[in-house]
Amino acid sequence: FFRGGLILDALLDDLMRRGLGEASDAIISGCSAGGLTVFLHLDYIRNRIPASVHVVGMPQSGFFMDLPGWDGKPPHALEWRAVYEFMGVNTSSTMSQECKEWHNEDQWR
């Protein structure tokens, strides 16, 4: 299954058992699609870790521009929408309600 939210929850549960809750700092980082994950899910991760832990995000090249390509068409829009629908992101508890409301007409964006 491609359920990143379940994997993220399992990872956080495991890290908490290993002492993440007693850490002073946590740096959440990723590159490319991992960087996108930092942008999308940092607030969720922040809420899963005790408030005593200072959490920061450091995405690396995870920002994909939703702009037309050389042919005037958005190069990734169809893929993003397909992934959004396939992954059930609209039902994901990791996506912030604020983001869903901001993009009410096109939540896949």
Protein backbone atom coordinates (compact mmCIF):
# COMPACT_ATOMS: atom_id res chain seq x y z
CA PHE A 1 0.00 0.00 0.00
CA PHE A 2 1.05 3.55 -0.63
CA ARG A 3 -0.15 5.06 2.61
CA GLY A 4 2.54 7.50 3.65
CA GLY A 5 0.44 8.76 6.56
CA LEU A 6 0.45 5.31 8.13
CA ILE A 7 4.19 5.01 7.57
CA LEU A 8 4.73 8.46 9.11
CA ASP A 9 2.65 7.53 12.15
CA ALA A 10 4.56 4.24 12.58
CA LEU A 11 7.88 6.08 12.26
CA LEU A 12 6.90 8.70 14.84
CA ASP A 13 5.60 6.01 17.22
CA ASP A 14 8.91 4.14 16.91
CA LEU A 15 10.99 7.29 17.40
CA MET A 16 8.95 8.21 20.47
CA ARG A 17 9.66 4.75 21.95
CA ARG A 18 13.35 5.35 21.26
CA GLY A 19 13.42 8.66 23.15
CA LEU A 20 12.42 11.38 20.69
CA GLY A 21 10.12 12.83 23.36
CA GLU A 22 13.13 13.54 25.57
CA ALA A 23 15.16 15.26 22.83
CA SER A 24 15.86 18.98 23.00
CA ASP A 25 15.59 19.48 19.23
CA ALA A 26 14.26 17.67 16.17
CA ILE A 27 15.16 18.61 12.61
CA ILE A 28 12.71 17.30 10.02
CA SER A 29 14.41 17.18 6.64
CA GLY A 30 14.02 15.62 3.23
CA CYS A 31 15.10 16.11 -0.37
CA SER A 32 12.92 16.25 -3.48
CA ALA A 33 9.68 14.40 -2.64
CA GLY A 34 10.96 14.15 0.95
CA GLY A 35 11.33 17.92 1.00
CA LEU A 36 7.75 18.23 -0.20
CA THR A 37 6.75 15.99 2.69
CA VAL A 38 8.42 18.40 5.11
CA PHE A 39 6.40 21.28 3.66
CA LEU A 40 3.13 19.31 3.77
CA HIS A 41 3.41 17.53 7.11
CA LEU A 42 5.65 19.55 9.43
CA ASP A 43 2.68 20.92 11.41
CA TYR A 44 1.34 17.41 11.91
CA ILE A 45 4.75 16.14 13.04
CA ARG A 46 5.10 19.14 15.39
CA ASN A 47 1.78 18.19 17.02
CA ARG A 48 2.84 14.56 17.47
CA ILE A 49 6.04 15.47 19.36
CA PRO A 50 5.94 16.91 22.90
CA ALA A 51 5.96 20.71 23.08
CA SER A 52 9.22 20.58 25.04
CA VAL A 53 11.04 19.48 21.87
CA HIS A 54 12.07 22.32 19.56
CA VAL A 55 11.00 21.18 16.06
CA VAL A 56 12.21 22.81 12.84
CA GLY A 57 11.81 21.85 9.20
CA MET A 58 14.61 21.90 6.65
CA PRO A 59 13.19 20.90 3.24
CA GLN A 60 15.70 20.57 0.44
CA SER A 61 14.44 21.10 -3.10
CA GLY A 62 10.91 20.00 -2.32
CA PHE A 63 9.07 22.90 -3.89
CA PHE A 64 7.57 22.09 -7.27
CA MET A 65 6.24 25.14 -9.10
CA ASP A 66 2.69 24.90 -10.43
CA LEU A 67 3.48 27.00 -13.49
CA PRO A 68 3.06 26.40 -17.22
CA GLY A 69 5.91 24.69 -19.04
CA TRP A 70 7.37 25.58 -22.43
CA ASP A 71 4.16 24.39 -24.14
CA GLY A 72 1.90 26.56 -21.96
CA LYS A 73 0.53 23.61 -19.98
CA PRO A 74 1.24 22.91 -16.32
CA PRO A 75 3.71 19.98 -16.51
CA HIS A 76 2.77 18.25 -13.28
CA ALA A 77 -0.88 19.09 -12.67
CA LEU A 78 -2.30 15.80 -13.96
CA GLU A 79 0.18 13.74 -11.93
CA TRP A 80 -0.43 15.74 -8.76
CA ARG A 81 -4.15 15.39 -9.05
CA ALA A 82 -3.87 11.64 -9.74
CA VAL A 83 -1.61 11.14 -6.72
CA TYR A 84 -3.94 13.22 -4.54
CA GLU A 85 -6.94 11.11 -5.55
CA PHE A 86 -5.09 7.78 -5.45
CA MET A 87 -3.52 8.43 -2.05
CA GLY A 88 -6.73 9.71 -0.49
CA VAL A 89 -4.99 12.87 0.69
CA ASN A 90 -8.34 14.60 1.08
CA THR A 91 -9.17 12.17 3.87
CA SER A 92 -5.70 12.29 5.43
CA SER A 93 -5.42 13.50 9.00
CA THR A 94 -1.93 14.80 8.21
CA MET A 95 -3.18 17.50 5.82
CA SER A 96 -4.05 20.67 7.71
CA GLN A 97 -7.63 21.87 7.63
CA GLU A 98 -6.37 25.36 6.89
CA CYS A 99 -4.69 24.13 3.70
CA LYS A 100 -7.85 22.28 2.64
CA GLU A 101 -9.93 25.42 3.17
CA TRP A 102 -7.42 27.65 1.35
CA HIS A 103 -7.66 25.42 -1.74
CA ASN A 104 -11.34 24.58 -1.36
CA GLU A 105 -12.04 24.43 -5.11
CA ASP A 106 -8.87 22.52 -6.04
CA GLN A 107 -7.77 20.75 -2.87
CA TRP A 108 -5.31 18.62 -4.85
CA ARG A 109 -3.21 21.76 -5.36
